[in-house]
Structure formats: structure tokens, C-alpha cells
Amino acid sequence: MDSMYIRLIDRTRKQDMAPVRLEKWCQQDNKRCTAVSHLRVVPKPRFRREREREKREREREKRRERGSRERARERERETRDREREREESETEREREREKRERERERERYGLACSCCVLIVFTDKNCF
């Protein structure tokens, strides 16, 4: 018999470690050996697959988390953009409103030069 399965106990943590396979390997030519002195611990294949599966699951979870964080950032960015657009449209509406009010005042009180403060009154009763 050239391999056997055992369960190692981690003495520092006082708990069982994953089952492993002890294989007898010859240290000279790195092949299987029948000598009892040449023992090498090799992870049990089934547990290697489980570790790989767990690793893939962790990576998937990280990707999912990263994606959700990116989606949250994107949502925040979109809401900020919408708020900025709303504020810009409000300030634009306010500017338009002020412009209309100035035009009404000009029409009401007389003609005014758009580039200066001088108001030319057309109605004689305004003096």
C-alpha cells in the first residue's frame, strides 16, 4: 500500500485539519517508494477540489460585491447629475424669468439700452 488517508490535528488551534493523504516518496529520484521513512503529505484530491470550489465562490462573491458597489456609485453619480441638471434648469428658468421681468420693465418705463443702465423714457409723464 503506497498511500493512506489520515486526519491531521492542528495542536496550536486544537482542531481537526482537512483530511490528507500520506504518500511514500523516494527523495532520491522523486518517485513513489515503499520505504516507511519517506512519507510526504499530499492534500486529498476531493478536498483540493472543494478548496478550489470555495476559492471560486469567494472570487464570485468579491466580483458580485464589487459590481454592487459600482452600481451603487453609478446610482449616486446619476442622482448627483440629475440634481445638478435640476439646479441648472432652475437657475436657467430663474435667469429667463429675470430677463422677461427686465424686458417688461423696459416696455413699461421706456426703452433701455441693453448694454448700459441708461433708460430713455418715451412717456413724458414718467419725469
N, C-alpha and C. Protein backbone atom coordinates (compact mmCIF):
# COMPACT_ATOMS: atom_id res chain seq x y z
N MET A 1 0.86 -1.18 0.00
CA MET A 1 0.00 0.00 0.00
C MET A 1 0.90 1.23 0.00
N ASP A 2 0.73 2.09 -1.05
CA ASP A 2 1.63 3.23 -1.16
C ASP A 2 0.99 4.56 -0.74
N SER A 3 -0.28 4.58 -0.38
CA SER A 3 -0.87 5.82 0.15
C SER A 3 -1.98 5.47 1.13
N MET A 4 -2.18 6.34 2.09
CA MET A 4 -3.25 6.13 3.07
C MET A 4 -3.81 7.50 3.47
N TYR A 5 -5.09 7.52 3.86
CA TYR A 5 -5.72 8.76 4.25
C TYR A 5 -5.70 8.89 5.76
N ILE A 6 -5.35 10.05 6.24
CA ILE A 6 -5.34 10.29 7.69
C ILE A 6 -5.98 11.65 7.95
N ARG A 7 -6.28 11.91 9.20
CA ARG A 7 -6.77 13.23 9.59
C ARG A 7 -5.74 13.82 10.54
N LEU A 8 -5.19 14.99 10.14
CA LEU A 8 -4.20 15.66 10.97
C LEU A 8 -4.90 16.56 11.97
N ILE A 9 -4.30 16.72 13.14
CA ILE A 9 -4.86 17.61 14.16
C ILE A 9 -3.88 18.76 14.37
N ASP A 10 -4.37 19.96 14.21
CA ASP A 10 -3.55 21.14 14.43
C ASP A 10 -3.52 21.39 15.93
N ARG A 11 -2.37 21.17 16.56
CA ARG A 11 -2.27 21.28 18.01
C ARG A 11 -2.35 22.73 18.50
N THR A 12 -1.96 23.67 17.65
CA THR A 12 -2.00 25.07 18.09
C THR A 12 -3.44 25.57 18.20
N ARG A 13 -4.28 25.12 17.27
CA ARG A 13 -5.69 25.58 17.30
C ARG A 13 -6.62 24.57 17.94
N LYS A 14 -6.10 23.42 18.28
CA LYS A 14 -6.89 22.34 18.91
C LYS A 14 -8.10 21.97 18.05
N GLN A 15 -7.85 21.84 16.76
CA GLN A 15 -8.96 21.45 15.88
C GLN A 15 -8.44 20.57 14.76
N ASP A 16 -9.37 19.85 14.15
CA ASP A 16 -9.00 18.97 13.05
C ASP A 16 -8.65 19.78 11.82
N MET A 17 -7.69 19.28 11.08
CA MET A 17 -7.37 19.89 9.79
C MET A 17 -8.05 19.04 8.71
N ALA A 18 -7.98 19.48 7.48
CA ALA A 18 -8.59 18.73 6.40
C ALA A 18 -7.89 17.38 6.24
N PRO A 19 -8.64 16.35 5.92
CA PRO A 19 -8.01 15.04 5.71
C PRO A 19 -6.98 15.12 4.58
N VAL A 20 -5.88 14.44 4.77
CA VAL A 20 -4.82 14.44 3.77
C VAL A 20 -4.42 13.01 3.47
N ARG A 21 -3.67 12.84 2.40
CA ARG A 21 -3.18 11.51 2.04
C ARG A 21 -1.68 11.48 2.28
N LEU A 22 -1.21 10.45 2.97
CA LEU A 22 0.23 10.28 3.16
C LEU A 22 0.74 9.40 2.03
N GLU A 23 1.68 9.91 1.29
CA GLU A 23 2.25 9.11 0.22
C GLU A 23 3.71 8.86 0.52
N LYS A 24 4.17 7.71 0.15
CA LYS A 24 5.57 7.38 0.34
C LYS A 24 6.31 7.74 -0.94
N TRP A 25 7.22 8.68 -0.83
CA TRP A 25 8.01 9.10 -1.99
C TRP A 25 9.48 8.93 -1.70
N CYS A 26 10.19 8.49 -2.69
CA CYS A 26 11.64 8.35 -2.56
C CYS A 26 12.27 9.71 -2.82
N GLN A 27 13.09 10.18 -1.91
CA GLN A 27 13.67 11.52 -2.04
C GLN A 27 14.78 11.57 -3.10
N GLN A 28 15.36 10.43 -3.45
CA GLN A 28 16.45 10.45 -4.42
C GLN A 28 15.93 10.69 -5.85
N ASP A 29 14.98 9.88 -6.29
CA ASP A 29 14.51 10.01 -7.68
C ASP A 29 13.08 10.54 -7.77
N ASN A 30 12.53 11.00 -6.65
CA ASN A 30 11.21 11.64 -6.58
C ASN A 30 10.11 10.76 -7.19
N LYS A 31 10.14 9.49 -6.86
CA LYS A 31 9.09 8.56 -7.30
C LYS A 31 8.50 7.91 -6.06
N ARG A 32 7.37 7.22 -6.28
CA ARG A 32 6.78 6.50 -5.14
C ARG A 32 7.76 5.46 -4.61
N CYS A 33 7.71 5.31 -3.30
CA CYS A 33 8.70 4.44 -2.65
C CYS A 33 7.99 3.57 -1.62
N THR A 34 8.54 2.45 -1.34
CA THR A 34 7.93 1.56 -0.33
C THR A 34 8.54 1.77 1.05
N ALA A 35 9.61 2.58 1.13
CA ALA A 35 10.26 2.79 2.41
C ALA A 35 9.37 3.64 3.33
N VAL A 36 9.19 3.20 4.56
CA VAL A 36 8.32 3.89 5.50
C VAL A 36 8.91 5.25 5.90
N SER A 37 10.21 5.40 5.83
CA SER A 37 10.84 6.64 6.26
C SER A 37 10.55 7.81 5.31
N HIS A 38 10.23 7.50 4.05
CA HIS A 38 9.96 8.56 3.09
C HIS A 38 8.45 8.80 2.98
N LEU A 39 7.93 9.65 3.85
CA LEU A 39 6.50 9.97 3.81
C LEU A 39 6.32 11.43 3.44
N ARG A 40 5.35 11.69 2.59
CA ARG A 40 5.07 13.06 2.19
C ARG A 40 3.57 13.29 2.28
N VAL A 41 3.17 14.44 2.85
CA VAL A 41 1.75 14.75 3.00
C VAL A 41 1.26 15.40 1.71
N VAL A 42 0.23 14.81 1.13
CA VAL A 42 -0.36 15.33 -0.10
C VAL A 42 -1.85 15.58 0.17
N PRO A 43 -2.37 16.76 -0.16
CA PRO A 43 -3.81 17.00 0.09
C PRO A 43 -4.67 16.00 -0.65
N LYS A 44 -5.73 15.58 0.01
CA LYS A 44 -6.64 14.62 -0.59
C LYS A 44 -7.32 15.29 -1.79
N PRO A 45 -7.38 14.65 -2.94
CA PRO A 45 -7.89 15.28 -4.16
C PRO A 45 -9.29 15.88 -4.01
N ARG A 46 -10.17 15.16 -3.33
CA ARG A 46 -11.54 15.65 -3.17
C ARG A 46 -11.53 17.00 -2.44
N PHE A 47 -10.69 17.13 -1.44
CA PHE A 47 -10.63 18.36 -0.67
C PHE A 47 -9.96 19.47 -1.47
N ARG A 48 -9.04 19.10 -2.35
CA ARG A 48 -8.43 20.10 -3.23
C ARG A 48 -9.52 20.69 -4.12
N ARG A 49 -10.37 19.82 -4.65
CA ARG A 49 -11.48 20.31 -5.49
C ARG A 49 -12.41 21.21 -4.68
N GLU A 50 -12.68 20.79 -3.43
CA GLU A 50 -13.54 21.62 -2.57
C GLU A 50 -12.89 22.99 -2.32
N ARG A 51 -11.57 22.98 -2.04
CA ARG A 51 -10.88 24.26 -1.82
C ARG A 51 -10.96 25.13 -3.06
N GLU A 52 -10.75 24.52 -4.23
CA GLU A 52 -10.83 25.28 -5.48
C GLU A 52 -12.23 25.85 -5.68
N ARG A 53 -13.26 25.02 -5.36
CA ARG A 53 -14.64 25.47 -5.49
C ARG A 53 -14.91 26.64 -4.54
N GLU A 54 -14.43 26.51 -3.28
CA GLU A 54 -14.59 27.60 -2.32
C GLU A 54 -13.88 28.86 -2.78
N LYS A 55 -12.70 28.69 -3.36
CA LYS A 55 -11.95 29.84 -3.87
C LYS A 55 -12.73 30.52 -5.00
N ARG A 56 -13.28 29.71 -5.91
CA ARG A 56 -14.10 30.27 -7.00
C ARG A 56 -15.32 31.00 -6.44
N GLU A 57 -15.96 30.41 -5.41
CA GLU A 57 -17.12 31.05 -4.79
C GLU A 57 -16.74 32.38 -4.16
N ARG A 58 -15.58 32.41 -3.47
CA ARG A 58 -15.12 33.68 -2.87
C ARG A 58 -14.87 34.73 -3.94
N GLU A 59 -14.21 34.30 -5.04
CA GLU A 59 -13.96 35.24 -6.13
C GLU A 59 -15.26 35.75 -6.73
N ARG A 60 -16.23 34.84 -6.91
CA ARG A 60 -17.54 35.23 -7.43
C ARG A 60 -18.21 36.24 -6.51
N GLU A 61 -18.13 35.95 -5.19
CA GLU A 61 -18.71 36.86 -4.19
C GLU A 61 -18.05 38.23 -4.25
N LYS A 62 -16.70 38.24 -4.38
CA LYS A 62 -15.98 39.51 -4.47
C LYS A 62 -16.43 40.28 -5.70
N ARG A 63 -16.54 39.55 -6.85
CA ARG A 63 -16.98 40.21 -8.08
C ARG A 63 -18.39 40.78 -7.92
N ARG A 64 -19.26 39.98 -7.29
CA ARG A 64 -20.64 40.42 -7.06
C ARG A 64 -20.66 41.67 -6.18
N GLU A 65 -19.84 41.63 -5.10
CA GLU A 65 -19.74 42.78 -4.19
C GLU A 65 -19.22 44.01 -4.91
N ARG A 66 -18.14 43.80 -5.69
CA ARG A 66 -17.55 44.91 -6.44
C ARG A 66 -18.58 45.48 -7.41
N GLY A 67 -19.32 44.58 -8.07
CA GLY A 67 -20.35 45.03 -9.01
C GLY A 67 -21.44 45.82 -8.31
N SER A 68 -21.86 45.35 -7.12
CA SER A 68 -22.92 46.07 -6.40
C SER A 68 -22.41 47.43 -5.95
N ARG A 69 -21.12 47.48 -5.52
CA ARG A 69 -20.54 48.78 -5.13
C ARG A 69 -20.49 49.72 -6.33
N GLU A 70 -20.09 49.17 -7.48
CA GLU A 70 -20.02 50.01 -8.69
C GLU A 70 -21.41 50.49 -9.09
N ARG A 71 -22.40 49.59 -8.98
CA ARG A 71 -23.78 50.00 -9.31
C ARG A 71 -24.25 51.10 -8.36
N ALA A 72 -23.91 50.96 -7.06
CA ALA A 72 -24.30 51.99 -6.08
C ALA A 72 -23.63 53.32 -6.42
N ARG A 73 -22.33 53.27 -6.77
CA ARG A 73 -21.63 54.51 -7.17
C ARG A 73 -22.27 55.12 -8.40
N GLU A 74 -22.64 54.25 -9.36
CA GLU A 74 -23.28 54.74 -10.59
C GLU A 74 -24.61 55.40 -10.27
N ARG A 75 -25.39 54.77 -9.37
CA ARG A 75 -26.68 55.37 -8.96
C ARG A 75 -26.46 56.72 -8.31
N GLU A 76 -25.46 56.79 -7.40
CA GLU A 76 -25.16 58.07 -6.74
C GLU A 76 -24.77 59.12 -7.77
N ARG A 77 -23.92 58.71 -8.72
CA ARG A 77 -23.50 59.64 -9.78
C ARG A 77 -24.71 60.13 -10.58
N GLU A 78 -25.61 59.20 -10.93
CA GLU A 78 -26.80 59.58 -11.69
C GLU A 78 -27.68 60.55 -10.89
N THR A 79 -27.87 60.26 -9.59
CA THR A 79 -28.71 61.16 -8.79
C THR A 79 -28.06 62.54 -8.68
N ARG A 80 -26.70 62.55 -8.48
CA ARG A 80 -26.00 63.84 -8.43
C ARG A 80 -26.16 64.59 -9.75
N ASP A 81 -26.03 63.87 -10.87
CA ASP A 81 -26.19 64.51 -12.18
C ASP A 81 -27.60 65.06 -12.34
N ARG A 82 -28.60 64.27 -11.93
CA ARG A 82 -29.99 64.74 -12.03
C ARG A 82 -30.20 65.98 -11.19
N GLU A 83 -29.67 65.96 -9.95
CA GLU A 83 -29.80 67.13 -9.07
C GLU A 83 -29.13 68.34 -9.68
N ARG A 84 -27.93 68.14 -10.24
CA ARG A 84 -27.20 69.23 -10.87
C ARG A 84 -27.99 69.78 -12.06
N GLU A 85 -28.54 68.86 -12.87
CA GLU A 85 -29.35 69.29 -14.01
C GLU A 85 -30.58 70.06 -13.54
N ARG A 86 -31.21 69.56 -12.47
CA ARG A 86 -32.39 70.23 -11.93
C ARG A 86 -32.01 71.64 -11.45
N GLU A 87 -30.89 71.73 -10.71
CA GLU A 87 -30.43 73.04 -10.23
C GLU A 87 -30.10 73.96 -11.39
N GLU A 88 -29.42 73.39 -12.41
CA GLU A 88 -29.07 74.21 -13.58
C GLU A 88 -30.33 74.67 -14.29
N SER A 89 -31.30 73.78 -14.43
CA SER A 89 -32.54 74.17 -15.11
C SER A 89 -33.29 75.22 -14.28
N GLU A 90 -33.25 75.07 -12.93
CA GLU A 90 -33.90 76.07 -12.08
C GLU A 90 -33.21 77.43 -12.23
N THR A 91 -31.87 77.42 -12.20
CA THR A 91 -31.16 78.70 -12.36
C THR A 91 -31.40 79.28 -13.76
N GLU A 92 -31.49 78.39 -14.75
CA GLU A 92 -31.78 78.84 -16.12
C GLU A 92 -33.17 79.46 -16.18
N ARG A 93 -34.15 78.79 -15.56
CA ARG A 93 -35.52 79.34 -15.52
C ARG A 93 -35.54 80.69 -14.80
N GLU A 94 -34.77 80.75 -13.69
CA GLU A 94 -34.70 82.00 -12.93
C GLU A 94 -34.11 83.11 -13.79
N ARG A 95 -33.04 82.80 -14.52
CA ARG A 95 -32.43 83.80 -15.42
C ARG A 95 -33.42 84.26 -16.48
N GLU A 96 -34.14 83.28 -17.05
CA GLU A 96 -35.14 83.61 -18.07
C GLU A 96 -36.23 84.52 -17.47
N ARG A 97 -36.67 84.16 -16.25
CA ARG A 97 -37.70 84.95 -15.58
C ARG A 97 -37.21 86.38 -15.35
N GLU A 98 -35.98 86.52 -14.85
CA GLU A 98 -35.40 87.85 -14.62
C GLU A 98 -35.29 88.63 -15.93
N LYS A 99 -34.87 87.92 -16.98
CA LYS A 99 -34.74 88.56 -18.28
C LYS A 99 -36.10 89.09 -18.75
N ARG A 100 -37.14 88.25 -18.62
CA ARG A 100 -38.50 88.67 -19.01
C ARG A 100 -38.96 89.87 -18.19
N GLU A 101 -38.67 89.84 -16.86
CA GLU A 101 -39.05 90.96 -16.00
C GLU A 101 -38.35 92.24 -16.45
N ARG A 102 -37.06 92.15 -16.77
CA ARG A 102 -36.34 93.33 -17.26
C ARG A 102 -36.95 93.86 -18.55
N GLU A 103 -37.29 92.92 -19.44
CA GLU A 103 -37.91 93.34 -20.71
C GLU A 103 -39.25 94.03 -20.45
N ARG A 104 -40.04 93.48 -19.51
CA ARG A 104 -41.34 94.10 -19.18
C ARG A 104 -41.11 95.51 -18.61
N GLU A 105 -40.10 95.62 -17.71
CA GLU A 105 -39.81 96.94 -17.14
C GLU A 105 -39.41 97.91 -18.23
N ARG A 106 -38.60 97.44 -19.17
CA ARG A 106 -38.20 98.31 -20.28
C ARG A 106 -39.41 98.75 -21.08
N GLU A 107 -40.31 97.78 -21.35
CA GLU A 107 -41.52 98.12 -22.10
C GLU A 107 -42.40 99.09 -21.31
N ARG A 108 -42.48 98.87 -20.00
CA ARG A 108 -43.35 99.68 -19.16
C ARG A 108 -42.80 101.10 -19.00
N TYR A 109 -41.50 101.19 -18.70
CA TYR A 109 -40.93 102.51 -18.37
C TYR A 109 -40.27 103.19 -19.55
N GLY A 110 -39.99 102.47 -20.56
CA GLY A 110 -39.35 103.10 -21.72
C GLY A 110 -38.31 102.19 -22.32
N LEU A 111 -37.61 102.69 -23.30
CA LEU A 111 -36.58 101.91 -23.97
C LEU A 111 -35.28 102.01 -23.19
N ALA A 112 -34.62 100.92 -23.04
CA ALA A 112 -33.33 100.93 -22.35
C ALA A 112 -32.30 100.26 -23.23
N CYS A 113 -31.12 100.78 -23.16
CA CYS A 113 -30.01 100.17 -23.89
C CYS A 113 -29.63 98.90 -23.15
N SER A 114 -29.50 97.80 -23.85
CA SER A 114 -29.22 96.51 -23.19
C SER A 114 -27.81 96.44 -22.63
N CYS A 115 -26.89 97.28 -23.14
CA CYS A 115 -25.51 97.18 -22.67
C CYS A 115 -25.20 98.21 -21.58
N CYS A 116 -26.11 99.13 -21.26
CA CYS A 116 -25.84 100.09 -20.20
C CYS A 116 -27.07 100.30 -19.34
N VAL A 117 -26.94 101.15 -18.33
CA VAL A 117 -28.01 101.34 -17.36
C VAL A 117 -28.95 102.48 -17.80
N LEU A 118 -28.55 103.19 -18.82
CA LEU A 118 -29.31 104.36 -19.26
C LEU A 118 -30.70 103.95 -19.73
N ILE A 119 -31.71 104.59 -19.18
CA ILE A 119 -33.08 104.32 -19.60
C ILE A 119 -33.59 105.56 -20.31
N VAL A 120 -34.08 105.38 -21.52
CA VAL A 120 -34.63 106.50 -22.28
C VAL A 120 -36.14 106.42 -22.15
N PHE A 121 -36.74 107.44 -21.48
CA PHE A 121 -38.18 107.43 -21.27
C PHE A 121 -38.89 107.96 -22.49
N THR A 122 -39.95 107.28 -22.87
CA THR A 122 -40.74 107.75 -24.02
C THR A 122 -41.98 108.47 -23.53
N ASP A 123 -42.44 108.13 -22.34
CA ASP A 123 -43.63 108.75 -21.80
C ASP A 123 -43.23 110.00 -21.03
N LYS A 124 -43.83 111.12 -21.34
CA LYS A 124 -43.47 112.38 -20.69
C LYS A 124 -43.90 112.40 -19.23
N ASN A 125 -44.90 111.61 -18.87
CA ASN A 125 -45.41 111.61 -17.51
C ASN A 125 -44.47 110.89 -16.53
N CYS A 126 -43.45 110.21 -17.03
CA CYS A 126 -42.53 109.46 -16.16
C CYS A 126 -41.56 110.37 -15.44
N PHE A 127 -41.39 111.65 -15.86
CA PHE A 127 -40.39 112.51 -15.23
C PHE A 127 -40.79 112.91 -13.86
